Amino acid sequence: MKRTVLAVVCVMVLGAAVAPAQDTIVDGVMKACEPEITEYCSRVTLGEGRLLACFYAHEDKLSGACQYALYDAAAQLEAFATAVTYVATSCHDELLKFCGDVQLGEGRVGSCLLEHKAEAGAECQKAIADVGLEAVEETPAAK
């Protein structure tokens, strides 16, 4: 359970930088864990992993649905982290050359890499294709 909670903390802390599917992951946890949130964590101020700390404090009382949602979110985060590591390793030179000055967050570095995909080496292009990297649409706040 500790690994699951830690991974979900990362998902919730990283926010929009994680992936477009991040909202769906968080929504899934919030829906599946709604009874636990109401019963044990209703006074917790959301943000900075406090809700997950509450889940951890009450882990022996979490329903199967809530535990599964946390596990599923952790698995999705782990897959995302593996994909990011693969692209970052394969595209190291391209990231430094083309995207070194790009502000982190909200998919800007990934979008920069895609803008320079044609200029990237074969290994980087393969990694981009392998993970299915796609441009992240700008959020209203990012515009």
N, C-alpha and C. Protein backbone atom coordinates (compact mmCIF):
# COMPACT_ATOMS: atom_id res chain seq x y z
N MET A 1 0.82 -1.20 0.00
CA MET A 1 0.00 0.00 0.00
C MET A 1 0.86 1.25 0.00
N LYS A 2 2.02 1.25 0.69
CA LYS A 2 2.87 2.43 0.76
C LYS A 2 3.31 2.88 -0.62
N ARG A 3 3.71 1.95 -1.47
CA ARG A 3 4.16 2.28 -2.83
C ARG A 3 3.01 2.89 -3.63
N THR A 4 1.82 2.35 -3.46
CA THR A 4 0.65 2.86 -4.15
C THR A 4 0.37 4.29 -3.74
N VAL A 5 0.37 4.55 -2.46
CA VAL A 5 0.09 5.90 -1.97
C VAL A 5 1.15 6.87 -2.46
N LEU A 6 2.42 6.48 -2.40
CA LEU A 6 3.49 7.35 -2.87
C LEU A 6 3.32 7.68 -4.35
N ALA A 7 3.01 6.69 -5.15
CA ALA A 7 2.83 6.93 -6.57
C ALA A 7 1.64 7.84 -6.84
N VAL A 8 0.56 7.65 -6.13
CA VAL A 8 -0.62 8.50 -6.34
C VAL A 8 -0.33 9.92 -5.86
N VAL A 9 0.45 10.06 -4.81
CA VAL A 9 0.87 11.40 -4.38
C VAL A 9 1.55 12.10 -5.54
N CYS A 10 2.43 11.40 -6.23
CA CYS A 10 3.12 11.99 -7.37
C CYS A 10 2.13 12.42 -8.44
N VAL A 11 1.15 11.60 -8.73
CA VAL A 11 0.15 11.95 -9.74
C VAL A 11 -0.57 13.24 -9.34
N MET A 12 -1.00 13.31 -8.11
CA MET A 12 -1.79 14.46 -7.69
C MET A 12 -0.93 15.71 -7.53
N VAL A 13 0.35 15.56 -7.18
CA VAL A 13 1.22 16.72 -7.01
C VAL A 13 1.69 17.25 -8.36
N LEU A 14 1.97 16.37 -9.30
CA LEU A 14 2.50 16.82 -10.59
C LEU A 14 1.46 17.55 -11.41
N GLY A 15 0.20 17.30 -11.18
CA GLY A 15 -0.85 18.04 -11.86
C GLY A 15 -0.79 17.92 -13.36
N ALA A 16 -0.99 19.04 -14.06
CA ALA A 16 -1.12 19.05 -15.51
C ALA A 16 0.14 18.59 -16.22
N ALA A 17 1.28 18.63 -15.54
CA ALA A 17 2.52 18.21 -16.18
C ALA A 17 2.56 16.71 -16.41
N VAL A 18 1.72 15.97 -15.71
CA VAL A 18 1.77 14.52 -15.82
C VAL A 18 1.33 14.05 -17.19
N ALA A 19 0.11 14.32 -17.55
CA ALA A 19 -0.43 13.86 -18.83
C ALA A 19 -1.87 14.35 -18.92
N PRO A 20 -2.41 14.42 -20.15
CA PRO A 20 -3.81 14.81 -20.27
C PRO A 20 -4.75 13.88 -19.51
N ALA A 21 -4.37 12.62 -19.35
CA ALA A 21 -5.23 11.66 -18.67
C ALA A 21 -5.20 11.83 -17.16
N GLN A 22 -4.35 12.73 -16.66
CA GLN A 22 -4.21 12.93 -15.22
C GLN A 22 -5.54 13.24 -14.55
N ASP A 23 -6.35 14.10 -15.16
CA ASP A 23 -7.64 14.45 -14.57
C ASP A 23 -8.52 13.22 -14.44
N THR A 24 -8.49 12.34 -15.42
CA THR A 24 -9.27 11.12 -15.38
C THR A 24 -8.79 10.22 -14.25
N ILE A 25 -7.49 10.14 -14.06
CA ILE A 25 -6.94 9.31 -12.98
C ILE A 25 -7.40 9.83 -11.63
N VAL A 26 -7.24 11.13 -11.42
CA VAL A 26 -7.64 11.72 -10.15
C VAL A 26 -9.15 11.59 -9.95
N ASP A 27 -9.93 11.84 -11.00
CA ASP A 27 -11.38 11.71 -10.90
C ASP A 27 -11.77 10.28 -10.51
N GLY A 28 -11.07 9.30 -11.07
CA GLY A 28 -11.35 7.90 -10.74
C GLY A 28 -11.10 7.59 -9.27
N VAL A 29 -10.01 8.11 -8.74
CA VAL A 29 -9.71 7.92 -7.32
C VAL A 29 -10.75 8.63 -6.47
N MET A 30 -11.07 9.87 -6.83
CA MET A 30 -12.04 10.64 -6.04
C MET A 30 -13.41 9.95 -6.02
N LYS A 31 -13.83 9.41 -7.15
CA LYS A 31 -15.14 8.74 -7.23
C LYS A 31 -15.13 7.44 -6.44
N ALA A 32 -14.10 6.62 -6.66
CA ALA A 32 -14.04 5.31 -5.99
C ALA A 32 -13.86 5.45 -4.48
N CYS A 33 -13.18 6.52 -4.06
CA CYS A 33 -12.89 6.72 -2.65
C CYS A 33 -13.83 7.72 -1.98
N GLU A 34 -14.90 8.06 -2.66
CA GLU A 34 -15.83 9.06 -2.11
C GLU A 34 -16.34 8.70 -0.71
N PRO A 35 -16.72 7.44 -0.45
CA PRO A 35 -17.17 7.11 0.92
C PRO A 35 -16.08 7.33 1.97
N GLU A 36 -14.84 6.99 1.62
CA GLU A 36 -13.73 7.16 2.55
C GLU A 36 -13.42 8.64 2.76
N ILE A 37 -13.53 9.41 1.69
CA ILE A 37 -13.30 10.85 1.80
C ILE A 37 -14.35 11.45 2.74
N THR A 38 -15.60 11.07 2.53
CA THR A 38 -16.69 11.58 3.36
C THR A 38 -16.53 11.16 4.82
N GLU A 39 -16.21 9.89 5.02
CA GLU A 39 -16.15 9.34 6.38
C GLU A 39 -14.90 9.77 7.15
N TYR A 40 -13.73 9.72 6.52
CA TYR A 40 -12.48 9.91 7.25
C TYR A 40 -11.72 11.19 6.90
N CYS A 41 -11.96 11.74 5.73
CA CYS A 41 -11.09 12.81 5.24
C CYS A 41 -11.83 14.07 4.82
N SER A 42 -13.06 14.24 5.27
CA SER A 42 -13.87 15.36 4.79
C SER A 42 -13.32 16.73 5.22
N ARG A 43 -12.53 16.77 6.26
CA ARG A 43 -11.98 18.04 6.73
C ARG A 43 -10.58 18.32 6.20
N VAL A 44 -10.10 17.46 5.34
CA VAL A 44 -8.76 17.62 4.79
C VAL A 44 -8.80 18.68 3.68
N THR A 45 -7.87 19.61 3.75
CA THR A 45 -7.72 20.60 2.69
C THR A 45 -6.98 19.93 1.54
N LEU A 46 -7.58 19.95 0.35
CA LEU A 46 -6.96 19.27 -0.79
C LEU A 46 -5.67 19.97 -1.21
N GLY A 47 -4.75 19.19 -1.72
CA GLY A 47 -3.49 19.71 -2.22
C GLY A 47 -2.32 19.19 -1.39
N GLU A 48 -1.16 19.19 -2.04
CA GLU A 48 0.10 18.81 -1.41
C GLU A 48 0.07 17.42 -0.77
N GLY A 49 -0.75 16.53 -1.30
CA GLY A 49 -0.77 15.15 -0.85
C GLY A 49 -1.49 14.90 0.46
N ARG A 50 -2.20 15.91 0.97
CA ARG A 50 -2.86 15.74 2.27
C ARG A 50 -3.97 14.69 2.24
N LEU A 51 -4.73 14.63 1.15
CA LEU A 51 -5.79 13.62 1.06
C LEU A 51 -5.18 12.22 1.06
N LEU A 52 -4.10 12.06 0.35
CA LEU A 52 -3.46 10.74 0.32
C LEU A 52 -2.85 10.39 1.67
N ALA A 53 -2.37 11.39 2.39
CA ALA A 53 -1.89 11.13 3.75
C ALA A 53 -3.04 10.64 4.63
N CYS A 54 -4.22 11.20 4.41
CA CYS A 54 -5.40 10.74 5.14
C CYS A 54 -5.74 9.30 4.77
N PHE A 55 -5.68 9.01 3.47
CA PHE A 55 -5.92 7.61 3.04
C PHE A 55 -4.91 6.68 3.72
N TYR A 56 -3.68 7.10 3.77
CA TYR A 56 -2.63 6.27 4.37
C TYR A 56 -2.93 6.05 5.86
N ALA A 57 -3.37 7.11 6.53
CA ALA A 57 -3.68 6.99 7.95
C ALA A 57 -4.84 6.03 8.21
N HIS A 58 -5.72 5.89 7.23
CA HIS A 58 -6.89 5.03 7.37
C HIS A 58 -6.85 3.83 6.41
N GLU A 59 -5.66 3.43 6.01
CA GLU A 59 -5.55 2.39 4.98
C GLU A 59 -6.22 1.09 5.36
N ASP A 60 -6.31 0.78 6.63
CA ASP A 60 -6.95 -0.46 7.06
C ASP A 60 -8.47 -0.41 6.93
N LYS A 61 -9.01 0.78 6.63
CA LYS A 61 -10.47 0.93 6.50
C LYS A 61 -10.91 1.21 5.07
N LEU A 62 -9.97 1.25 4.12
CA LEU A 62 -10.32 1.57 2.73
C LEU A 62 -11.05 0.40 2.08
N SER A 63 -12.08 0.73 1.32
CA SER A 63 -12.83 -0.30 0.60
C SER A 63 -11.96 -0.89 -0.52
N GLY A 64 -12.40 -2.01 -1.00
CA GLY A 64 -11.70 -2.63 -2.13
C GLY A 64 -11.70 -1.72 -3.35
N ALA A 65 -12.81 -1.04 -3.59
CA ALA A 65 -12.90 -0.14 -4.76
C ALA A 65 -11.91 1.00 -4.64
N CYS A 66 -11.78 1.55 -3.46
CA CYS A 66 -10.83 2.65 -3.25
C CYS A 66 -9.40 2.13 -3.38
N GLN A 67 -9.10 1.01 -2.77
CA GLN A 67 -7.76 0.44 -2.88
C GLN A 67 -7.41 0.16 -4.34
N TYR A 68 -8.37 -0.39 -5.08
CA TYR A 68 -8.10 -0.68 -6.49
C TYR A 68 -7.86 0.61 -7.27
N ALA A 69 -8.65 1.65 -7.01
CA ALA A 69 -8.47 2.92 -7.72
C ALA A 69 -7.09 3.50 -7.44
N LEU A 70 -6.63 3.40 -6.20
CA LEU A 70 -5.30 3.88 -5.85
C LEU A 70 -4.23 3.04 -6.54
N TYR A 71 -4.42 1.72 -6.56
CA TYR A 71 -3.48 0.83 -7.23
C TYR A 71 -3.43 1.13 -8.73
N ASP A 72 -4.60 1.30 -9.34
CA ASP A 72 -4.67 1.57 -10.78
C ASP A 72 -4.00 2.90 -11.11
N ALA A 73 -4.24 3.92 -10.29
CA ALA A 73 -3.60 5.22 -10.51
C ALA A 73 -2.08 5.09 -10.41
N ALA A 74 -1.61 4.32 -9.44
CA ALA A 74 -0.18 4.11 -9.28
C ALA A 74 0.41 3.39 -10.49
N ALA A 75 -0.30 2.40 -10.99
CA ALA A 75 0.17 1.66 -12.17
C ALA A 75 0.25 2.57 -13.39
N GLN A 76 -0.76 3.42 -13.56
CA GLN A 76 -0.75 4.36 -14.69
C GLN A 76 0.40 5.36 -14.55
N LEU A 77 0.64 5.82 -13.34
CA LEU A 77 1.75 6.74 -13.10
C LEU A 77 3.08 6.06 -13.41
N GLU A 78 3.21 4.82 -12.98
CA GLU A 78 4.46 4.09 -13.23
C GLU A 78 4.69 3.92 -14.73
N ALA A 79 3.64 3.60 -15.48
CA ALA A 79 3.78 3.47 -16.94
C ALA A 79 4.16 4.80 -17.56
N PHE A 80 3.54 5.88 -17.08
CA PHE A 80 3.88 7.20 -17.59
C PHE A 80 5.32 7.55 -17.28
N ALA A 81 5.77 7.28 -16.06
CA ALA A 81 7.15 7.58 -15.67
C ALA A 81 8.14 6.79 -16.51
N THR A 82 7.81 5.55 -16.80
CA THR A 82 8.68 4.73 -17.65
C THR A 82 8.76 5.32 -19.06
N ALA A 83 7.63 5.74 -19.60
CA ALA A 83 7.61 6.35 -20.94
C ALA A 83 8.41 7.64 -20.97
N VAL A 84 8.25 8.48 -19.95
CA VAL A 84 8.99 9.74 -19.88
C VAL A 84 10.49 9.47 -19.80
N THR A 85 10.87 8.50 -18.99
CA THR A 85 12.28 8.16 -18.85
C THR A 85 12.85 7.66 -20.18
N TYR A 86 12.11 6.83 -20.87
CA TYR A 86 12.53 6.30 -22.16
C TYR A 86 12.74 7.42 -23.18
N VAL A 87 11.77 8.33 -23.28
CA VAL A 87 11.89 9.43 -24.23
C VAL A 87 13.02 10.36 -23.82
N ALA A 88 13.11 10.68 -22.53
CA ALA A 88 14.16 11.58 -22.06
C ALA A 88 15.55 11.01 -22.32
N THR A 89 15.70 9.71 -22.13
CA THR A 89 16.99 9.07 -22.38
C THR A 89 17.29 9.02 -23.88
N SER A 90 16.31 8.63 -24.66
CA SER A 90 16.50 8.49 -26.11
C SER A 90 16.66 9.84 -26.80
N CYS A 91 16.07 10.88 -26.24
CA CYS A 91 16.07 12.20 -26.86
C CYS A 91 16.90 13.22 -26.07
N HIS A 92 17.81 12.74 -25.29
CA HIS A 92 18.61 13.62 -24.43
C HIS A 92 19.22 14.78 -25.21
N ASP A 93 19.92 14.48 -26.28
CA ASP A 93 20.59 15.54 -27.06
C ASP A 93 19.58 16.50 -27.68
N GLU A 94 18.48 15.97 -28.18
CA GLU A 94 17.45 16.81 -28.80
C GLU A 94 16.78 17.72 -27.77
N LEU A 95 16.54 17.18 -26.58
CA LEU A 95 15.93 17.98 -25.53
C LEU A 95 16.83 19.15 -25.14
N LEU A 96 18.12 18.88 -25.03
CA LEU A 96 19.05 19.95 -24.69
C LEU A 96 19.16 20.97 -25.83
N LYS A 97 19.28 20.47 -27.05
CA LYS A 97 19.48 21.36 -28.20
C LYS A 97 18.26 22.22 -28.50
N PHE A 98 17.10 21.61 -28.55
CA PHE A 98 15.90 22.31 -29.00
C PHE A 98 15.00 22.84 -27.88
N CYS A 99 15.04 22.19 -26.72
CA CYS A 99 14.03 22.48 -25.69
C CYS A 99 14.64 22.86 -24.34
N GLY A 100 15.91 23.10 -24.31
CA GLY A 100 16.59 23.40 -23.05
C GLY A 100 16.07 24.63 -22.34
N ASP A 101 15.55 25.59 -23.08
CA ASP A 101 15.07 26.84 -22.47
C ASP A 101 13.55 26.86 -22.27
N VAL A 102 12.89 25.76 -22.55
CA VAL A 102 11.43 25.70 -22.44
C VAL A 102 11.05 25.53 -20.97
N GLN A 103 10.06 26.31 -20.53
CA GLN A 103 9.56 26.21 -19.16
C GLN A 103 8.88 24.87 -18.96
N LEU A 104 9.20 24.22 -17.85
CA LEU A 104 8.61 22.92 -17.54
C LEU A 104 7.15 23.06 -17.17
N GLY A 105 6.38 22.01 -17.46
CA GLY A 105 4.98 21.95 -17.07
C GLY A 105 4.03 22.13 -18.23
N GLU A 106 2.82 21.60 -18.04
CA GLU A 106 1.72 21.71 -18.98
C GLU A 106 2.06 21.18 -20.38
N GLY A 107 2.97 20.24 -20.45
CA GLY A 107 3.30 19.59 -21.72
C GLY A 107 4.15 20.40 -22.67
N ARG A 108 4.72 21.50 -22.19
CA ARG A 108 5.50 22.37 -23.08
C ARG A 108 6.74 21.69 -23.63
N VAL A 109 7.46 20.93 -22.82
CA VAL A 109 8.68 20.27 -23.29
C VAL A 109 8.31 19.19 -24.32
N GLY A 110 7.27 18.43 -24.05
CA GLY A 110 6.82 17.42 -25.01
C GLY A 110 6.40 18.05 -26.32
N SER A 111 5.69 19.17 -26.25
CA SER A 111 5.27 19.87 -27.47
C SER A 111 6.48 20.39 -28.23
N CYS A 112 7.48 20.90 -27.51
CA CYS A 112 8.71 21.37 -28.15
C CYS A 112 9.40 20.22 -28.88
N LEU A 113 9.48 19.09 -28.21
CA LEU A 113 10.13 17.93 -28.83
C LEU A 113 9.39 17.51 -30.10
N LEU A 114 8.06 17.54 -30.06
CA LEU A 114 7.27 17.19 -31.24
C LEU A 114 7.48 18.21 -32.37
N GLU A 115 7.63 19.49 -32.01
CA GLU A 115 7.88 20.51 -33.03
C GLU A 115 9.20 20.26 -33.77
N HIS A 116 10.13 19.62 -33.10
CA HIS A 116 11.45 19.36 -33.68
C HIS A 116 11.65 17.88 -34.03
N LYS A 117 10.56 17.14 -34.10
CA LYS A 117 10.64 15.70 -34.36
C LYS A 117 11.36 15.41 -35.67
N ALA A 118 11.09 16.18 -36.70
CA ALA A 118 11.73 15.94 -38.01
C ALA A 118 13.24 16.14 -37.95
N GLU A 119 13.69 16.97 -37.02
CA GLU A 119 15.12 17.24 -36.87
C GLU A 119 15.81 16.26 -35.91
N ALA A 120 15.02 15.46 -35.22
CA ALA A 120 15.55 14.54 -34.21
C ALA A 120 16.19 13.33 -34.87
N GLY A 121 17.08 12.70 -34.11
CA GLY A 121 17.73 11.49 -34.59
C GLY A 121 16.77 10.31 -34.62
N ALA A 122 17.21 9.24 -35.25
CA ALA A 122 16.37 8.05 -35.41
C ALA A 122 15.94 7.45 -34.08
N GLU A 123 16.86 7.40 -33.11
CA GLU A 123 16.54 6.81 -31.80
C GLU A 123 15.45 7.63 -31.10
N CYS A 124 15.56 8.94 -31.17
CA CYS A 124 14.56 9.82 -30.56
C CYS A 124 13.22 9.67 -31.27
N GLN A 125 13.23 9.66 -32.58
CA GLN A 125 11.98 9.52 -33.33
C GLN A 125 11.29 8.19 -33.00
N LYS A 126 12.09 7.15 -32.83
CA LYS A 126 11.52 5.84 -32.48
C LYS A 126 10.88 5.90 -31.08
N ALA A 127 11.55 6.53 -30.14
CA ALA A 127 11.01 6.64 -28.79
C ALA A 127 9.69 7.42 -28.79
N ILE A 128 9.65 8.51 -29.54
CA ILE A 128 8.43 9.31 -29.64
C ILE A 128 7.29 8.46 -30.19
N ALA A 129 7.58 7.69 -31.23
CA ALA A 129 6.56 6.82 -31.83
C ALA A 129 6.17 5.70 -30.86
N ASP A 130 7.17 5.10 -30.21
CA ASP A 130 6.90 3.98 -29.30
C ASP A 130 5.95 4.35 -28.17
N VAL A 131 6.11 5.54 -27.61
CA VAL A 131 5.26 5.93 -26.47
C VAL A 131 4.00 6.65 -26.91
N GLY A 132 3.88 6.94 -28.19
CA GLY A 132 2.69 7.62 -28.69
C GLY A 132 2.60 9.06 -28.20
N LEU A 133 3.75 9.73 -28.11
CA LEU A 133 3.76 11.11 -27.66
C LEU A 133 2.94 11.97 -28.61
N GLU A 134 2.01 12.71 -28.03
CA GLU A 134 1.14 13.60 -28.80
C GLU A 134 1.16 14.97 -28.15
N ALA A 135 0.87 15.97 -28.93
CA ALA A 135 0.83 17.34 -28.40
C ALA A 135 -0.26 17.46 -27.36
N VAL A 136 0.03 18.18 -26.30
CA VAL A 136 -0.95 18.45 -25.25
C VAL A 136 -1.62 19.76 -25.60
N GLU A 137 -2.96 19.75 -25.64
CA GLU A 137 -3.69 20.98 -25.94
C GLU A 137 -3.48 21.95 -24.79
N GLU A 138 -3.33 23.23 -25.15
CA GLU A 138 -3.16 24.24 -24.12
C GLU A 138 -4.43 24.38 -23.31
N THR A 139 -4.25 24.54 -22.00
CA THR A 139 -5.38 24.81 -21.14
C THR A 139 -5.65 26.31 -21.20
N PRO A 140 -6.85 26.74 -20.86
CA PRO A 140 -7.14 28.18 -20.90
C PRO A 140 -6.13 28.98 -20.08
N ALA A 141 -5.65 28.45 -18.96
CA ALA A 141 -4.70 29.18 -18.14
C ALA A 141 -3.34 29.30 -18.80
N ALA A 142 -3.01 28.36 -19.70
CA ALA A 142 -1.70 28.36 -20.35
C ALA A 142 -1.65 29.29 -21.54
N LYS A 143 -2.79 29.72 -22.04
CA LYS A 143 -2.84 30.56 -23.23
C LYS A 143 -2.47 31.98 -22.92
